[in-house]
């Protein structure tokens, strides 16, 4: 049978939704490829897409639909074989020719997921703004340090904040 090559889609921008097969989550199309959301399929609401990937096509057949007679082919997910919609091959009525070459995906047979490679928009919900870190927070101490690197807490204990032994070092309390 050979290797199965799947296309993985990315949907950058404000409409970062990827439409995937309901059963196996194989990528099928993106929100930017939607031509219309005003369609009705066999299972309810359906969307008309400019482009789909990771599908195989069934046999050609003429179907009488609410908008007239069309030549269509079922669209099957290559991951699991689920029929997720159909593609328009030919529209017998002139006013319906805009559908030719486009594909219907039925909403009940696909899921729309956010593109995992696109960060969520920063809309202010649940975002906590923290002040920039201070030297105190970086050192993990409650004492402050002056520009010379001396610790005020060490100076209050009688030292100058420098390390090492001698008269200028930190004084340790006896146990």
N, C-alpha and C. Protein backbone atom coordinates (compact mmCIF):
# COMPACT_ATOMS: atom_id res chain seq x y z
N UNK A 1 0.82 -1.19 0.00
CA UNK A 1 0.00 0.00 0.00
C UNK A 1 0.87 1.25 0.00
N UNK A 2 2.02 1.22 0.61
CA UNK A 2 2.90 2.38 0.61
C UNK A 2 2.72 3.24 1.85
N UNK A 3 3.54 4.28 1.93
CA UNK A 3 3.49 5.18 3.06
C UNK A 3 2.39 6.22 2.85
N UNK A 4 1.76 6.57 3.94
CA UNK A 4 0.72 7.59 3.91
C UNK A 4 1.36 8.93 4.26
N UNK A 5 1.24 9.90 3.37
CA UNK A 5 1.81 11.22 3.59
C UNK A 5 0.69 12.18 3.98
N UNK A 6 0.76 12.70 5.20
CA UNK A 6 -0.25 13.64 5.66
C UNK A 6 0.32 15.05 5.66
N UNK A 7 -0.53 16.00 5.31
CA UNK A 7 -0.18 17.41 5.39
C UNK A 7 -0.63 17.92 6.76
N UNK A 8 0.26 18.65 7.43
CA UNK A 8 -0.09 19.28 8.70
C UNK A 8 -0.21 20.77 8.44
N UNK A 9 -1.36 21.31 8.78
CA UNK A 9 -1.68 22.68 8.45
C UNK A 9 -1.33 23.63 9.58
N UNK A 10 -1.08 24.87 9.21
CA UNK A 10 -0.90 25.96 10.17
C UNK A 10 -1.87 27.06 9.79
N UNK A 11 -2.41 27.70 10.79
CA UNK A 11 -3.41 28.74 10.55
C UNK A 11 -3.05 30.00 11.32
N UNK A 12 -2.05 30.74 10.86
CA UNK A 12 -1.69 31.97 11.56
C UNK A 12 -2.74 33.05 11.33
N UNK A 13 -2.69 34.06 12.15
CA UNK A 13 -3.61 35.18 11.98
C UNK A 13 -4.79 35.09 12.91
N UNK A 14 -5.75 35.99 12.72
CA UNK A 14 -6.88 36.07 13.65
C UNK A 14 -7.82 34.87 13.59
N UNK A 15 -7.81 34.14 12.48
CA UNK A 15 -8.69 32.97 12.34
C UNK A 15 -7.83 31.71 12.39
N UNK A 16 -7.20 31.47 13.53
CA UNK A 16 -6.23 30.38 13.62
C UNK A 16 -6.88 29.04 13.97
N UNK A 17 -7.91 28.67 13.23
CA UNK A 17 -8.62 27.41 13.47
C UNK A 17 -8.25 26.41 12.38
N UNK A 18 -8.02 25.18 12.80
CA UNK A 18 -7.74 24.08 11.88
C UNK A 18 -8.91 23.11 11.98
N UNK A 19 -9.48 22.75 10.84
CA UNK A 19 -10.58 21.79 10.80
C UNK A 19 -9.99 20.39 10.61
N UNK A 20 -10.36 19.49 11.51
CA UNK A 20 -9.80 18.14 11.54
C UNK A 20 -10.93 17.11 11.53
N UNK A 21 -10.59 15.90 11.13
CA UNK A 21 -11.55 14.79 11.16
C UNK A 21 -11.99 14.55 12.60
N UNK A 22 -13.27 14.37 12.79
CA UNK A 22 -13.83 14.14 14.12
C UNK A 22 -13.27 12.88 14.77
N UNK A 23 -13.05 11.83 13.98
CA UNK A 23 -12.64 10.55 14.54
C UNK A 23 -11.14 10.41 14.77
N UNK A 24 -10.30 10.91 13.83
CA UNK A 24 -8.86 10.67 13.96
C UNK A 24 -8.02 11.95 14.02
N UNK A 25 -8.65 13.09 13.95
CA UNK A 25 -8.00 14.41 14.03
C UNK A 25 -6.97 14.68 12.94
N UNK A 26 -7.15 14.05 11.78
CA UNK A 26 -6.32 14.37 10.63
C UNK A 26 -6.69 15.76 10.15
N UNK A 27 -5.68 16.60 9.87
CA UNK A 27 -5.94 17.97 9.39
C UNK A 27 -6.62 17.92 8.03
N UNK A 28 -7.65 18.75 7.86
CA UNK A 28 -8.41 18.81 6.61
C UNK A 28 -8.37 20.18 5.95
N UNK A 29 -8.52 21.25 6.74
CA UNK A 29 -8.52 22.59 6.16
C UNK A 29 -8.36 23.61 7.28
N UNK A 30 -8.36 24.89 6.90
CA UNK A 30 -8.24 25.97 7.88
C UNK A 30 -9.41 26.94 7.73
N UNK A 31 -9.59 27.76 8.75
CA UNK A 31 -10.68 28.74 8.73
C UNK A 31 -10.50 29.76 7.62
N UNK A 32 -9.28 30.04 7.22
CA UNK A 32 -9.05 31.01 6.15
C UNK A 32 -9.50 30.47 4.79
N UNK A 33 -9.70 29.16 4.67
CA UNK A 33 -10.15 28.56 3.42
C UNK A 33 -11.68 28.46 3.32
N UNK A 34 -12.41 28.93 4.33
CA UNK A 34 -13.87 28.88 4.29
C UNK A 34 -14.40 29.91 3.30
N UNK A 35 -15.23 29.44 2.40
CA UNK A 35 -15.90 30.32 1.44
C UNK A 35 -17.25 30.75 2.00
N UNK A 36 -17.97 29.81 2.62
CA UNK A 36 -19.29 30.10 3.17
C UNK A 36 -19.64 29.13 4.29
N UNK A 37 -20.37 29.63 5.27
CA UNK A 37 -20.87 28.79 6.36
C UNK A 37 -22.37 28.58 6.25
N UNK A 38 -22.95 28.94 5.11
CA UNK A 38 -24.40 28.91 4.92
C UNK A 38 -24.86 27.68 4.14
N UNK A 39 -24.32 26.52 4.46
CA UNK A 39 -24.69 25.31 3.74
C UNK A 39 -25.32 24.31 4.68
N UNK A 40 -26.10 23.41 4.11
CA UNK A 40 -26.75 22.35 4.86
C UNK A 40 -26.28 21.01 4.29
N UNK A 41 -25.79 20.15 5.16
CA UNK A 41 -25.35 18.82 4.74
C UNK A 41 -26.34 17.76 5.18
N UNK A 42 -25.97 16.51 5.03
CA UNK A 42 -26.84 15.40 5.42
C UNK A 42 -26.99 15.31 6.93
N UNK A 43 -25.98 15.81 7.69
CA UNK A 43 -26.02 15.73 9.15
C UNK A 43 -26.30 17.08 9.80
N UNK A 44 -26.64 18.09 9.01
CA UNK A 44 -26.90 19.42 9.56
C UNK A 44 -26.03 20.47 8.88
N UNK A 45 -25.58 21.42 9.67
CA UNK A 45 -24.80 22.54 9.15
C UNK A 45 -23.52 22.07 8.47
N UNK A 46 -23.12 22.78 7.40
CA UNK A 46 -21.92 22.43 6.65
C UNK A 46 -21.25 23.71 6.15
N UNK A 47 -19.94 23.62 5.91
CA UNK A 47 -19.15 24.75 5.43
C UNK A 47 -18.59 24.43 4.05
N UNK A 48 -18.52 25.45 3.20
CA UNK A 48 -17.92 25.32 1.88
C UNK A 48 -16.48 25.83 1.97
N UNK A 49 -15.52 24.97 1.57
CA UNK A 49 -14.09 25.29 1.65
C UNK A 49 -13.48 25.42 0.26
N UNK A 50 -12.57 26.35 0.14
CA UNK A 50 -11.82 26.55 -1.09
C UNK A 50 -10.84 25.39 -1.32
N UNK A 51 -10.20 24.92 -0.24
CA UNK A 51 -9.15 23.91 -0.35
C UNK A 51 -9.22 22.96 0.84
N UNK A 52 -9.05 21.67 0.60
CA UNK A 52 -8.93 20.66 1.66
C UNK A 52 -7.74 19.76 1.33
N UNK A 53 -7.19 19.14 2.36
CA UNK A 53 -6.06 18.22 2.20
C UNK A 53 -6.36 16.93 2.96
N UNK A 54 -5.54 15.94 2.74
CA UNK A 54 -5.62 14.66 3.46
C UNK A 54 -6.96 13.96 3.26
N UNK A 55 -7.47 14.00 2.02
CA UNK A 55 -8.72 13.32 1.69
C UNK A 55 -8.55 12.51 0.42
N UNK A 56 -9.41 11.52 0.27
CA UNK A 56 -9.56 10.80 -0.99
C UNK A 56 -10.98 11.03 -1.47
N UNK A 57 -11.18 10.81 -2.75
CA UNK A 57 -12.49 11.09 -3.34
C UNK A 57 -13.18 9.79 -3.74
N UNK A 58 -14.49 9.76 -3.52
CA UNK A 58 -15.31 8.63 -3.94
C UNK A 58 -15.66 8.74 -5.41
N UNK A 59 -16.58 7.90 -5.84
CA UNK A 59 -17.02 7.86 -7.24
C UNK A 59 -17.84 9.10 -7.58
N UNK A 60 -17.77 9.51 -8.83
CA UNK A 60 -18.60 10.62 -9.32
C UNK A 60 -20.06 10.17 -9.35
N UNK A 61 -20.93 11.07 -8.95
CA UNK A 61 -22.36 10.77 -9.06
C UNK A 61 -23.14 12.08 -9.16
N UNK A 62 -24.25 12.02 -9.81
CA UNK A 62 -25.15 13.17 -9.90
C UNK A 62 -26.10 13.10 -8.72
N UNK A 63 -26.21 14.22 -7.99
CA UNK A 63 -27.11 14.30 -6.83
C UNK A 63 -28.03 15.49 -6.99
N UNK A 64 -29.29 15.25 -6.70
CA UNK A 64 -30.26 16.34 -6.67
C UNK A 64 -30.20 16.95 -5.27
N UNK A 65 -29.82 18.21 -5.19
CA UNK A 65 -29.70 18.91 -3.91
C UNK A 65 -30.70 20.06 -3.89
N UNK A 66 -30.78 20.74 -2.77
CA UNK A 66 -31.76 21.82 -2.64
C UNK A 66 -31.51 22.95 -3.64
N UNK A 67 -30.27 23.09 -4.12
CA UNK A 67 -29.96 24.15 -5.08
C UNK A 67 -29.88 23.64 -6.51
N UNK A 68 -30.31 22.41 -6.73
CA UNK A 68 -30.32 21.88 -8.09
C UNK A 68 -29.46 20.63 -8.23
N UNK A 69 -29.31 20.19 -9.48
CA UNK A 69 -28.56 18.98 -9.78
C UNK A 69 -27.06 19.31 -9.86
N UNK A 70 -26.26 18.47 -9.18
CA UNK A 70 -24.81 18.65 -9.17
C UNK A 70 -24.12 17.30 -9.37
N UNK A 71 -22.95 17.31 -10.01
CA UNK A 71 -22.08 16.15 -10.04
C UNK A 71 -21.10 16.33 -8.90
N UNK A 72 -21.05 15.34 -8.00
CA UNK A 72 -20.23 15.44 -6.79
C UNK A 72 -19.45 14.15 -6.57
N UNK A 73 -18.49 14.22 -5.68
CA UNK A 73 -17.75 13.05 -5.21
C UNK A 73 -17.65 13.14 -3.69
N UNK A 74 -17.91 12.03 -2.99
CA UNK A 74 -17.75 12.03 -1.55
C UNK A 74 -16.29 12.28 -1.20
N UNK A 75 -16.08 12.92 -0.05
CA UNK A 75 -14.74 13.23 0.46
C UNK A 75 -14.52 12.37 1.70
N UNK A 76 -13.46 11.54 1.66
CA UNK A 76 -13.14 10.63 2.77
C UNK A 76 -11.82 11.02 3.40
N UNK A 77 -11.76 11.00 4.71
CA UNK A 77 -10.53 11.26 5.46
C UNK A 77 -9.52 10.15 5.15
N UNK A 78 -8.25 10.53 4.85
CA UNK A 78 -7.26 9.49 4.57
C UNK A 78 -6.78 8.78 5.83
N UNK A 79 -7.04 9.38 6.99
CA UNK A 79 -6.61 8.77 8.24
C UNK A 79 -7.48 7.60 8.67
N UNK A 80 -8.81 7.74 8.52
CA UNK A 80 -9.71 6.71 9.04
C UNK A 80 -10.80 6.30 8.05
N UNK A 81 -10.93 6.99 6.93
CA UNK A 81 -11.92 6.62 5.93
C UNK A 81 -13.31 7.19 6.15
N UNK A 82 -13.50 8.02 7.18
CA UNK A 82 -14.81 8.62 7.45
C UNK A 82 -15.19 9.57 6.30
N UNK A 83 -16.42 9.46 5.83
CA UNK A 83 -16.92 10.41 4.83
C UNK A 83 -17.23 11.71 5.58
N UNK A 84 -16.46 12.76 5.28
CA UNK A 84 -16.59 14.03 5.99
C UNK A 84 -17.33 15.10 5.18
N UNK A 85 -17.66 14.79 3.92
CA UNK A 85 -18.36 15.75 3.08
C UNK A 85 -18.33 15.33 1.63
N UNK A 86 -18.37 16.31 0.72
CA UNK A 86 -18.32 16.03 -0.71
C UNK A 86 -17.68 17.22 -1.42
N UNK A 87 -17.24 16.97 -2.63
CA UNK A 87 -16.70 18.04 -3.46
C UNK A 87 -17.55 18.19 -4.72
N UNK A 88 -17.72 19.43 -5.13
CA UNK A 88 -18.52 19.73 -6.32
C UNK A 88 -17.65 19.61 -7.56
N UNK A 89 -18.06 18.75 -8.50
CA UNK A 89 -17.37 18.60 -9.77
C UNK A 89 -18.02 19.49 -10.83
N UNK A 90 -19.35 19.47 -10.88
CA UNK A 90 -20.07 20.22 -11.90
C UNK A 90 -21.44 20.64 -11.36
N UNK A 91 -21.79 21.88 -11.64
CA UNK A 91 -23.13 22.38 -11.29
C UNK A 91 -23.89 22.58 -12.59
N UNK A 92 -25.07 21.99 -12.71
CA UNK A 92 -25.86 22.08 -13.93
C UNK A 92 -26.48 23.46 -14.12
N UNK A 93 -26.73 24.18 -13.02
CA UNK A 93 -27.29 25.52 -13.12
C UNK A 93 -26.16 26.55 -13.08
N UNK A 94 -26.27 27.52 -13.96
CA UNK A 94 -25.23 28.55 -14.09
C UNK A 94 -24.98 29.29 -12.77
N UNK A 95 -26.04 29.57 -12.03
CA UNK A 95 -25.90 30.34 -10.79
C UNK A 95 -25.15 29.56 -9.69
N UNK A 96 -24.99 28.26 -9.86
CA UNK A 96 -24.33 27.42 -8.85
C UNK A 96 -22.89 27.04 -9.23
N UNK A 97 -22.40 27.55 -10.33
CA UNK A 97 -21.07 27.16 -10.83
C UNK A 97 -19.93 27.61 -9.91
N UNK A 98 -20.17 28.58 -9.04
CA UNK A 98 -19.12 29.04 -8.11
C UNK A 98 -18.67 27.91 -7.17
N UNK A 99 -19.50 26.87 -7.02
CA UNK A 99 -19.19 25.75 -6.13
C UNK A 99 -18.21 24.75 -6.76
N UNK A 100 -18.08 24.77 -8.06
CA UNK A 100 -17.25 23.77 -8.74
C UNK A 100 -15.80 23.84 -8.24
N UNK A 101 -15.27 22.67 -7.90
CA UNK A 101 -13.91 22.58 -7.39
C UNK A 101 -13.78 22.85 -5.90
N UNK A 102 -14.87 23.21 -5.26
CA UNK A 102 -14.86 23.49 -3.82
C UNK A 102 -15.44 22.29 -3.07
N UNK A 103 -15.20 22.25 -1.78
CA UNK A 103 -15.56 21.09 -0.96
C UNK A 103 -16.42 21.48 0.22
N UNK A 104 -17.43 20.68 0.47
CA UNK A 104 -18.27 20.81 1.66
C UNK A 104 -17.70 19.88 2.74
N UNK A 105 -17.50 20.43 3.95
CA UNK A 105 -17.20 19.61 5.13
C UNK A 105 -18.36 19.79 6.10
N UNK A 106 -18.92 18.68 6.56
CA UNK A 106 -20.06 18.74 7.46
C UNK A 106 -19.59 18.98 8.89
N UNK A 107 -20.17 19.98 9.52
CA UNK A 107 -19.75 20.40 10.86
C UNK A 107 -19.82 19.25 11.88
N UNK A 108 -20.79 18.38 11.76
CA UNK A 108 -20.93 17.27 12.70
C UNK A 108 -19.83 16.21 12.53
N UNK A 109 -19.12 16.26 11.40
CA UNK A 109 -18.11 15.24 11.11
C UNK A 109 -16.68 15.76 11.24
N UNK A 110 -16.54 17.04 11.58
CA UNK A 110 -15.22 17.63 11.78
C UNK A 110 -15.20 18.41 13.09
N UNK A 111 -14.02 18.61 13.62
CA UNK A 111 -13.82 19.48 14.78
C UNK A 111 -12.96 20.64 14.33
N UNK A 112 -13.13 21.78 14.99
CA UNK A 112 -12.21 22.89 14.73
C UNK A 112 -11.39 23.14 15.98
N UNK A 113 -10.08 23.14 15.78
CA UNK A 113 -9.14 23.27 16.87
C UNK A 113 -8.24 24.47 16.63
N UNK A 114 -7.76 25.10 17.69
CA UNK A 114 -6.80 26.19 17.48
C UNK A 114 -5.47 25.62 17.00
N UNK A 115 -4.77 26.39 16.19
CA UNK A 115 -3.44 25.98 15.73
C UNK A 115 -2.52 25.95 16.94
N UNK A 116 -1.92 24.80 17.28
CA UNK A 116 -1.06 24.73 18.46
C UNK A 116 0.21 25.53 18.32
N UNK A 117 0.58 25.91 17.10
CA UNK A 117 1.81 26.68 16.88
C UNK A 117 1.58 28.18 16.96
N UNK A 118 0.34 28.61 17.14
CA UNK A 118 0.03 30.03 17.22
C UNK A 118 -0.35 30.34 18.66
N UNK A 119 0.36 31.29 19.31
CA UNK A 119 0.00 31.62 20.69
C UNK A 119 -1.39 32.24 20.76
N UNK A 120 -2.05 32.00 21.87
CA UNK A 120 -3.38 32.57 22.08
C UNK A 120 -3.29 34.09 22.11
N UNK A 121 -4.29 34.79 21.60
CA UNK A 121 -4.24 36.25 21.63
C UNK A 121 -4.29 36.77 23.05
N UNK A 122 -3.58 37.87 23.27
CA UNK A 122 -3.56 38.49 24.60
C UNK A 122 -4.73 39.45 24.68
N UNK A 123 -5.83 38.98 25.22
CA UNK A 123 -7.04 39.80 25.28
C UNK A 123 -7.30 40.35 26.68
N UNK A 124 -6.38 40.14 27.60
CA UNK A 124 -6.53 40.68 28.95
C UNK A 124 -7.19 39.73 29.91
N UNK A 125 -7.81 38.66 29.44
CA UNK A 125 -8.49 37.73 30.33
C UNK A 125 -7.47 36.81 31.00
N UNK A 126 -7.41 36.85 32.30
CA UNK A 126 -6.54 35.95 33.04
C UNK A 126 -5.06 36.30 32.97
N UNK A 127 -4.73 37.49 32.49
CA UNK A 127 -3.33 37.87 32.40
C UNK A 127 -2.98 38.71 33.63
N UNK A 128 -1.89 38.36 34.27
CA UNK A 128 -1.41 39.09 35.44
C UNK A 128 -0.16 39.84 35.03
N UNK A 129 -0.16 41.14 35.20
CA UNK A 129 1.01 41.95 34.88
C UNK A 129 1.85 42.09 36.13
N UNK A 130 3.07 41.61 36.07
CA UNK A 130 3.98 41.68 37.20
C UNK A 130 4.98 42.80 36.96
N UNK A 131 5.42 43.46 38.03
CA UNK A 131 6.45 44.48 37.86
C UNK A 131 7.76 43.81 37.46
N UNK A 132 8.67 44.57 36.86
CA UNK A 132 9.95 43.96 36.50
C UNK A 132 10.68 43.51 37.75
N UNK A 133 11.53 42.51 37.63
CA UNK A 133 12.24 42.01 38.81
C UNK A 133 13.19 43.06 39.36
N UNK A 134 13.34 43.05 40.66
CA UNK A 134 14.29 43.96 41.32
C UNK A 134 15.52 43.17 41.73
N UNK A 135 16.56 43.88 42.05
CA UNK A 135 17.78 43.22 42.51
C UNK A 135 17.48 42.41 43.77
N UNK A 136 16.61 42.93 44.62
CA UNK A 136 16.24 42.23 45.85
C UNK A 136 15.57 40.89 45.52
N UNK A 137 14.66 40.89 44.54
CA UNK A 137 13.98 39.64 44.21
C UNK A 137 14.93 38.66 43.54
N UNK A 138 15.90 39.19 42.78
CA UNK A 138 16.86 38.30 42.13
C UNK A 138 17.82 37.68 43.13
N UNK A 139 18.19 38.44 44.20
CA UNK A 139 19.10 37.91 45.21
C UNK A 139 18.38 37.01 46.20
N UNK A 140 17.07 37.13 46.25
CA UNK A 140 16.29 36.29 47.17
C UNK A 140 16.47 36.70 48.61
N UNK A 141 16.68 37.96 48.88
CA UNK A 141 16.88 38.44 50.24
C UNK A 141 15.97 39.63 50.50
N UNK A 142 15.73 39.90 51.74
CA UNK A 142 14.90 41.05 52.07
C UNK A 142 15.75 42.27 52.35
N UNK A 143 17.06 42.13 52.35
CA UNK A 143 17.91 43.29 52.57
C UNK A 143 18.18 43.98 51.26
N UNK A 144 18.50 45.24 51.32
CA UNK A 144 18.80 45.97 50.10
C UNK A 144 20.30 46.10 49.93
N UNK A 145 20.72 46.31 48.71
CA UNK A 145 22.13 46.42 48.40
C UNK A 145 22.35 47.78 47.77
N UNK A 146 23.37 48.49 48.24
CA UNK A 146 23.65 49.79 47.63
C UNK A 146 24.51 49.61 46.39
N UNK A 147 24.85 50.69 45.74
CA UNK A 147 25.58 50.63 44.48
C UNK A 147 26.97 50.04 44.62
N UNK A 148 27.55 50.06 45.81
CA UNK A 148 28.88 49.49 46.03
C UNK A 148 28.82 48.01 46.33
N UNK A 149 27.64 47.44 46.39
CA UNK A 149 27.49 46.03 46.67
C UNK A 149 27.42 45.73 48.15
N UNK A 150 27.42 46.75 49.00
CA UNK A 150 27.36 46.53 50.43
C UNK A 150 25.91 46.30 50.86
N UNK A 151 25.73 45.41 51.76
CA UNK A 151 24.41 45.10 52.25
C UNK A 151 24.09 45.98 53.44
N UNK A 152 22.92 46.62 53.43
CA UNK A 152 22.52 47.45 54.57
C UNK A 152 22.30 46.59 55.80
N UNK A 153 21.80 45.37 55.60
CA UNK A 153 21.60 44.48 56.74
C UNK A 153 22.94 44.12 57.36
N UNK A 154 23.97 43.90 56.54
CA UNK A 154 25.30 43.57 57.07
C UNK A 154 25.88 44.78 57.79
N UNK A 155 25.68 45.97 57.25
CA UNK A 155 26.19 47.19 57.89
C UNK A 155 25.53 47.39 59.23
N UNK A 156 24.25 47.07 59.33
CA UNK A 156 23.55 47.22 60.61
C UNK A 156 24.07 46.23 61.64
N UNK A 157 24.61 45.10 61.16
CA UNK A 157 25.18 44.12 62.09
C UNK A 157 26.63 44.44 62.40
N UNK A 158 27.17 45.45 61.76
CA UNK A 158 28.54 45.84 62.06
C UNK A 158 29.52 45.46 60.97
N UNK A 159 29.09 44.84 59.92
CA UNK A 159 30.02 44.46 58.85
C UNK A 159 29.85 45.39 57.68
N UNK A 160 30.72 45.22 56.67
CA UNK A 160 30.62 46.08 55.51
C UNK A 160 30.09 45.35 54.29
N UNK A 161 29.70 44.11 54.47
CA UNK A 161 29.10 43.37 53.38
C UNK A 161 30.11 42.63 52.55
N UNK A 162 31.41 42.79 52.82
CA UNK A 162 32.40 42.06 52.04
C UNK A 162 32.63 40.72 52.68
N UNK A 163 33.04 39.76 51.89
CA UNK A 163 33.25 38.43 52.44
C UNK A 163 34.71 38.25 52.77
N UNK A 164 35.02 37.20 53.46
CA UNK A 164 36.41 36.90 53.84
C UNK A 164 36.59 37.12 55.32
N UNK A 165 37.79 36.84 55.77
CA UNK A 165 38.07 36.99 57.19
C UNK A 165 38.72 38.33 57.46
N UNK A 166 38.93 38.64 58.69
CA UNK A 166 39.55 39.90 59.07
C UNK A 166 38.55 40.79 59.74
N UNK A 167 38.99 41.98 60.06
CA UNK A 167 38.16 42.89 60.83
C UNK A 167 36.99 43.43 60.03
N UNK A 168 37.06 43.40 58.70
CA UNK A 168 35.96 43.96 57.91
C UNK A 168 34.95 42.93 57.49
N UNK A 169 35.08 41.64 57.87
CA UNK A 169 34.18 40.61 57.43
C UNK A 169 32.88 40.59 58.19
N UNK A 170 31.99 39.69 57.80
CA UNK A 170 30.73 39.53 58.51
C UNK A 170 30.98 38.89 59.85
N UNK A 171 30.24 39.33 60.82
CA UNK A 171 30.36 38.80 62.16
C UNK A 171 29.32 37.70 62.33
N UNK A 172 29.73 36.53 62.72
CA UNK A 172 28.79 35.43 62.94
C UNK A 172 28.53 35.30 64.42
N UNK A 173 27.31 35.06 64.73
CA UNK A 173 26.95 34.88 66.13
C UNK A 173 27.38 33.52 66.60
N UNK A 174 27.80 33.42 67.84
CA UNK A 174 28.22 32.13 68.39
C UNK A 174 26.99 31.29 68.66
N UNK A 175 27.11 29.96 68.45
CA UNK A 175 25.95 29.11 68.66
C UNK A 175 25.54 29.00 70.10
